[in-house]
Structures are given as structure tokens and as C-alpha cells.
Amino acid sequence: MTAPHARPVCVPAEEVDSRYKFVVALKAKLPPGVAANAASHLCLGLAAKAAAEQPELLRKMSFLDFADADGGSHAPVSGLSLVVLEGRPAWIRRLREQAEASGLLYTDFTGQMTGDTYAEQLRRMKATAEERLDYYGLAVFAPRDVLDPLTRKFSLLR
């Protein structure tokens, strides 16, 4: 049962769809702060993209209200696995291409999106051809049986 303060995006625990998962694939050897920044932007972007472009996936993301013993609400937090991986830049680029070709929900984050102001970041992106982008990471939400084969080369981030 959902706690009384649950947000509409939350589902009852019995509706968690464990056939799906989140993957954040990061460029290997990013400094910890840069990796955390990239992963945070990726997750925010993925949820926003789902809401805007594929709202039917929000229920599949299985957000729950983790209510505490005092009745406090700690929502929304997904009940699904969110695996953080690392790998070579070429693997991230390839994963992006595969996600795009398969119609999967994904978002990416590049080195051009860091430092300075957002206006300067936008200018840098606009001036950089796709093949020259420095991919820091990619976040994907999809069925496990689709996503697992695409991420086999990656290692768990430690």
C-alpha cells in the first residue's frame, strides 16, 4: 500500500516492474566529483525526458514512497535497480548509437556540458561536431533483457 503522502508518480510496491532497469554508463577514470555530477545530470535528464516524451514509462520506472516509521514520506525513489557502470569512451558512444537505433529512452552528458556557464556550455556544444564530443556518460532505461546485452563490456563503477 502507498503511504498517504505519496506523489501521483509513485506506484504501489506490488506494481514494481522488475523487468526494467536503469543503467548509467560513465567514462572510465573520471574524477569522483565529475562522475557524480555527470550521473546526477543524466538521471535528472532521463526522468525529464520520460515525462516529456514517453510518460507511459514513468509507471514502469516504479517510483515508490519509502515511508518511515513516523509516517514521513521519502518519495519518489525507484524500486528498480540503477546500475552504475564504467567503460571506454568508444563503448559509451556505441551504447548511445544502439539506444537510439532501438528506440530506447536515454540521455547523454558530455565534457562540453561542464565548466563555465550554461550559455557557454551551449555555445561549446553547438560548435562541436558529434564525432568530437567527449561523452562523459549515458543513462538508459529499458527492459533488462534488452539492456543487459548492450552493456556487457562495461564494468561496475567502484
C-alpha atoms as a PDB file:
ATOM      1  CA  MET A   1       0.000   0.000   0.000  1.00  0.00           C
ATOM      2  CA  THR A   2       1.209   3.507  -0.809  1.00  0.00           C
ATOM      3  CA  ALA A   3       1.841   5.913   2.073  1.00  0.00           C
ATOM      4  CA  PRO A   4      -0.706   8.739   2.456  1.00  0.00           C
ATOM      5  CA  HIS A   5       1.771  11.399   1.299  1.00  0.00           C
ATOM      6  CA  ALA A   6       2.711   9.535  -1.887  1.00  0.00           C
ATOM      7  CA  ARG A   7       3.059  11.556  -5.046  1.00  0.00           C
ATOM      8  CA  PRO A   8       0.980  10.641  -8.113  1.00  0.00           C
ATOM      9  CA  VAL A   9       4.149   9.383  -9.841  1.00  0.00           C
ATOM     10  CA  CYS A  10       4.506   6.664  -7.189  1.00  0.00           C
ATOM     11  CA  VAL A  11       3.161   3.166  -7.676  1.00  0.00           C
ATOM     12  CA  PRO A  12       2.127   0.632  -5.042  1.00  0.00           C
ATOM     13  CA  ALA A  13       5.012  -1.705  -4.124  1.00  0.00           C
ATOM     14  CA  GLU A  14       3.203  -4.675  -5.666  1.00  0.00           C
ATOM     15  CA  GLU A  15       3.318  -2.903  -9.049  1.00  0.00           C
ATOM     16  CA  VAL A  16       7.124  -2.614  -9.245  1.00  0.00           C
ATOM     17  CA  ASP A  17       8.034  -3.923 -12.689  1.00  0.00           C
ATOM     18  CA  SER A  18      11.378  -5.654 -12.166  1.00  0.00           C
ATOM     19  CA  ARG A  19      11.635  -6.487 -15.867  1.00  0.00           C
ATOM     20  CA  TYR A  20      13.064  -2.949 -16.270  1.00  0.00           C
ATOM     21  CA  LYS A  21      16.232  -1.300 -15.020  1.00  0.00           C
ATOM     22  CA  PHE A  22      18.252   1.894 -15.153  1.00  0.00           C
ATOM     23  CA  VAL A  23      21.856   1.961 -16.322  1.00  0.00           C
ATOM     24  CA  VAL A  24      24.257   4.865 -16.014  1.00  0.00           C
ATOM     25  CA  ALA A  25      27.402   4.208 -18.041  1.00  0.00           C
ATOM     26  CA  LEU A  26      30.261   6.595 -17.257  1.00  0.00           C
ATOM     27  CA  LYS A  27      33.590   7.219 -18.935  1.00  0.00           C
ATOM     28  CA  ALA A  28      36.277   5.299 -17.059  1.00  0.00           C
ATOM     29  CA  LYS A  29      38.639   7.233 -14.810  1.00  0.00           C
ATOM     30  CA  LEU A  30      36.519  10.359 -14.427  1.00  0.00           C
ATOM     31  CA  PRO A  31      37.364  12.130 -11.143  1.00  0.00           C
ATOM     32  CA  PRO A  32      34.740  11.215  -8.481  1.00  0.00           C
ATOM     33  CA  GLY A  33      33.173  14.682  -8.385  1.00  0.00           C
ATOM     34  CA  VAL A  34      32.903  14.845 -12.166  1.00  0.00           C
ATOM     35  CA  ALA A  35      31.408  11.331 -12.270  1.00  0.00           C
ATOM     36  CA  ALA A  36      28.831  12.237  -9.588  1.00  0.00           C
ATOM     37  CA  ASN A  37      27.952  15.443 -11.444  1.00  0.00           C
ATOM     38  CA  ALA A  38      27.557  13.613 -14.756  1.00  0.00           C
ATOM     39  CA  ALA A  39      25.477  10.804 -13.195  1.00  0.00           C
ATOM     40  CA  SER A  40      23.217  13.325 -11.460  1.00  0.00           C
ATOM     41  CA  HIS A  41      22.603  15.280 -14.658  1.00  0.00           C
ATOM     42  CA  LEU A  42      21.985  12.047 -16.553  1.00  0.00           C
ATOM     43  CA  CYS A  43      19.366  10.804 -14.087  1.00  0.00           C
ATOM     44  CA  LEU A  44      17.587  14.156 -13.952  1.00  0.00           C
ATOM     45  CA  GLY A  45      17.570  14.339 -17.741  1.00  0.00           C
ATOM     46  CA  LEU A  46      16.311  10.788 -18.120  1.00  0.00           C
ATOM     47  CA  ALA A  47      13.332  11.390 -15.816  1.00  0.00           C
ATOM     48  CA  ALA A  48      12.531  14.708 -17.528  1.00  0.00           C
ATOM     49  CA  LYS A  49      12.763  13.099 -20.963  1.00  0.00           C
ATOM     50  CA  ALA A  50      10.450  10.278 -19.875  1.00  0.00           C
ATOM     51  CA  ALA A  51       7.896  12.770 -18.548  1.00  0.00           C
ATOM     52  CA  ALA A  52       8.015  14.840 -21.736  1.00  0.00           C
ATOM     53  CA  GLU A  53       8.374  12.194 -24.437  1.00  0.00           C
ATOM     54  CA  GLN A  54       7.303   8.835 -23.032  1.00  0.00           C
ATOM     55  CA  PRO A  55       5.122   9.448 -19.960  1.00  0.00           C
ATOM     56  CA  GLU A  56       3.888   5.859 -20.072  1.00  0.00           C
ATOM     57  CA  LEU A  57       7.379   4.836 -18.916  1.00  0.00           C
ATOM     58  CA  LEU A  58       7.073   6.764 -15.635  1.00  0.00           C
ATOM     59  CA  ARG A  59       4.963   3.965 -14.117  1.00  0.00           C
ATOM     60  CA  LYS A  60       7.487   1.411 -15.418  1.00  0.00           C
ATOM     61  CA  MET A  61      10.189   3.361 -13.537  1.00  0.00           C
ATOM     62  CA  SER A  62       8.442   2.097 -10.396  1.00  0.00           C
ATOM     63  CA  PHE A  63       8.824   5.119  -8.147  1.00  0.00           C
ATOM     64  CA  LEU A  64       7.859   4.326  -4.570  1.00  0.00           C
ATOM     65  CA  ASP A  65       7.204   6.220  -1.389  1.00  0.00           C
ATOM     66  CA  PHE A  66       9.581   4.815   1.207  1.00  0.00           C
ATOM     67  CA  ALA A  67       7.568   5.812   4.285  1.00  0.00           C
ATOM     68  CA  ASP A  68       9.363   5.816   7.624  1.00  0.00           C
ATOM     69  CA  ALA A  69       8.022   4.623  10.994  1.00  0.00           C
ATOM     70  CA  ASP A  70       6.797   8.145  11.807  1.00  0.00           C
ATOM     71  CA  GLY A  71       4.721   8.304   8.623  1.00  0.00           C
ATOM     72  CA  GLY A  72       7.219  10.570   6.880  1.00  0.00           C
ATOM     73  CA  SER A  73       7.354  10.368   3.119  1.00  0.00           C
ATOM     74  CA  HIS A  74      10.623   9.689   1.290  1.00  0.00           C
ATOM     75  CA  ALA A  75       9.366   9.783  -2.265  1.00  0.00           C
ATOM     76  CA  PRO A  76       9.869   9.340  -5.089  1.00  0.00           C
ATOM     77  CA  VAL A  77      12.642   6.749  -5.142  1.00  0.00           C
ATOM     78  CA  SER A  78      12.618   3.960  -7.705  1.00  0.00           C
ATOM     79  CA  GLY A  79      12.311   0.397  -6.506  1.00  0.00           C
ATOM     80  CA  LEU A  80      14.298  -0.756  -9.537  1.00  0.00           C
ATOM     81  CA  SER A  81      17.984  -1.417  -9.965  1.00  0.00           C
ATOM     82  CA  LEU A  82      20.093   1.537 -11.011  1.00  0.00           C
ATOM     83  CA  VAL A  83      23.444   0.139 -12.054  1.00  0.00           C
ATOM     84  CA  VAL A  84      26.384   2.495 -12.480  1.00  0.00           C
ATOM     85  CA  LEU A  85      28.967   1.189 -14.931  1.00  0.00           C
ATOM     86  CA  GLU A  86      32.185   2.493 -16.410  1.00  0.00           C
ATOM     87  CA  GLY A  87      33.858   1.891 -19.720  1.00  0.00           C
ATOM     88  CA  ARG A  88      35.801   3.239 -22.629  1.00  0.00           C
ATOM     89  CA  PRO A  89      34.552   6.351 -24.421  1.00  0.00           C
ATOM     90  CA  ALA A  90      34.025   4.326 -27.624  1.00  0.00           C
ATOM     91  CA  TRP A  91      31.726   1.945 -25.711  1.00  0.00           C
ATOM     92  CA  ILE A  92      29.623   4.858 -24.457  1.00  0.00           C
ATOM     93  CA  ARG A  93      29.329   6.236 -27.981  1.00  0.00           C
ATOM     94  CA  ARG A  94      28.336   2.790 -29.261  1.00  0.00           C
ATOM     95  CA  LEU A  95      25.781   2.329 -26.470  1.00  0.00           C
ATOM     96  CA  ARG A  96      24.281   5.693 -27.415  1.00  0.00           C
ATOM     97  CA  GLU A  97      24.032   4.613 -31.053  1.00  0.00           C
ATOM     98  CA  GLN A  98      22.409   1.313 -30.051  1.00  0.00           C
ATOM     99  CA  ALA A  99      19.940   3.015 -27.702  1.00  0.00           C
ATOM    100  CA  GLU A 100      18.990   5.480 -30.439  1.00  0.00           C
ATOM    101  CA  ALA A 101      18.615   2.750 -33.082  1.00  0.00           C
ATOM    102  CA  SER A 102      16.488   0.634 -30.712  1.00  0.00           C
ATOM    103  CA  GLY A 103      14.231   3.498 -29.680  1.00  0.00           C
ATOM    104  CA  LEU A 104      15.255   3.236 -26.013  1.00  0.00           C
ATOM    105  CA  LEU A 105      14.862   6.070 -23.548  1.00  0.00           C
ATOM    106  CA  TYR A 106      18.319   7.548 -22.981  1.00  0.00           C
ATOM    107  CA  THR A 107      20.166  10.761 -22.327  1.00  0.00           C
ATOM    108  CA  ASP A 108      23.837  11.639 -22.605  1.00  0.00           C
ATOM    109  CA  PHE A 109      26.258  14.040 -20.956  1.00  0.00           C
ATOM    110  CA  THR A 110      29.482  15.366 -22.464  1.00  0.00           C
ATOM    111  CA  GLY A 111      32.577  17.195 -21.348  1.00  0.00           C
ATOM    112  CA  GLN A 112      31.354  20.165 -23.381  1.00  0.00           C
ATOM    113  CA  MET A 113      28.486  20.485 -20.863  1.00  0.00           C
ATOM    114  CA  THR A 114      30.814  21.223 -17.934  1.00  0.00           C
ATOM    115  CA  GLY A 115      32.556  24.332 -16.634  1.00  0.00           C
ATOM    116  CA  ASP A 116      31.714  27.977 -17.182  1.00  0.00           C
ATOM    117  CA  THR A 117      28.047  28.972 -17.522  1.00  0.00           C
ATOM    118  CA  TYR A 118      25.235  27.088 -19.228  1.00  0.00           C
ATOM    119  CA  ALA A 119      25.324  29.716 -22.020  1.00  0.00           C
ATOM    120  CA  GLU A 120      28.994  28.942 -22.693  1.00  0.00           C
ATOM    121  CA  GLN A 121      28.278  25.201 -22.487  1.00  0.00           C
ATOM    122  CA  LEU A 122      25.513  25.599 -25.092  1.00  0.00           C
ATOM    123  CA  ARG A 123      27.909  27.519 -27.359  1.00  0.00           C
ATOM    124  CA  ARG A 124      30.587  24.806 -26.953  1.00  0.00           C
ATOM    125  CA  MET A 125      28.106  22.065 -27.839  1.00  0.00           C
ATOM    126  CA  LYS A 126      26.855  23.988 -30.867  1.00  0.00           C
ATOM    127  CA  ALA A 127      30.455  24.381 -32.085  1.00  0.00           C
ATOM    128  CA  THR A 128      31.397  20.696 -31.646  1.00  0.00           C
ATOM    129  CA  ALA A 129      30.594  18.036 -34.234  1.00  0.00           C
ATOM    130  CA  GLU A 130      29.094  14.848 -32.771  1.00  0.00           C
ATOM    131  CA  GLU A 131      32.177  12.762 -33.597  1.00  0.00           C
ATOM    132  CA  ARG A 132      34.287  15.141 -31.488  1.00  0.00           C
ATOM    133  CA  LEU A 133      32.035  15.143 -28.416  1.00  0.00           C
ATOM    134  CA  ASP A 134      33.692  13.873 -25.253  1.00  0.00           C
ATOM    135  CA  TYR A 135      30.974  11.610 -23.813  1.00  0.00           C
ATOM    136  CA  TYR A 136      31.175  11.508 -20.025  1.00  0.00           C
ATOM    137  CA  GLY A 137      28.195   9.224 -19.739  1.00  0.00           C
ATOM    138  CA  LEU A 138      24.881   7.869 -20.846  1.00  0.00           C
ATOM    139  CA  ALA A 139      21.779   6.927 -18.871  1.00  0.00           C
ATOM    140  CA  VAL A 140      19.327   4.383 -20.277  1.00  0.00           C
ATOM    141  CA  PHE A 141      16.030   2.977 -19.035  1.00  0.00           C
ATOM    142  CA  ALA A 142      14.835  -0.195 -20.730  1.00  0.00           C
ATOM    143  CA  PRO A 143      13.832  -3.803 -20.204  1.00  0.00           C
ATOM    144  CA  ARG A 144      16.667  -5.836 -18.664  1.00  0.00           C
ATOM    145  CA  ASP A 145      16.662  -8.361 -21.493  1.00  0.00           C
ATOM    146  CA  VAL A 146      17.266  -5.549 -24.000  1.00  0.00           C
ATOM    147  CA  LEU A 147      19.750  -3.538 -21.948  1.00  0.00           C
ATOM    148  CA  ASP A 148      21.946  -6.286 -20.482  1.00  0.00           C
ATOM    149  CA  PRO A 149      23.422  -7.437 -23.820  1.00  0.00           C
ATOM    150  CA  LEU A 150      24.217  -3.822 -24.743  1.00  0.00           C
ATOM    151  CA  THR A 151      26.221  -3.208 -21.566  1.00  0.00           C
ATOM    152  CA  ARG A 152      28.176  -6.478 -21.231  1.00  0.00           C
ATOM    153  CA  LYS A 153      31.562  -4.875 -21.963  1.00  0.00           C
ATOM    154  CA  PHE A 154      31.204  -2.333 -19.148  1.00  0.00           C
ATOM    155  CA  SER A 155      32.431  -2.862 -15.568  1.00  0.00           C
ATOM    156  CA  LEU A 156      30.706  -1.855 -12.352  1.00  0.00           C
ATOM    157  CA  LEU A 157      31.918   1.537 -11.165  1.00  0.00           C
ATOM    158  CA  ARG A 158      33.911   1.062  -7.959  1.00  0.00           C
END
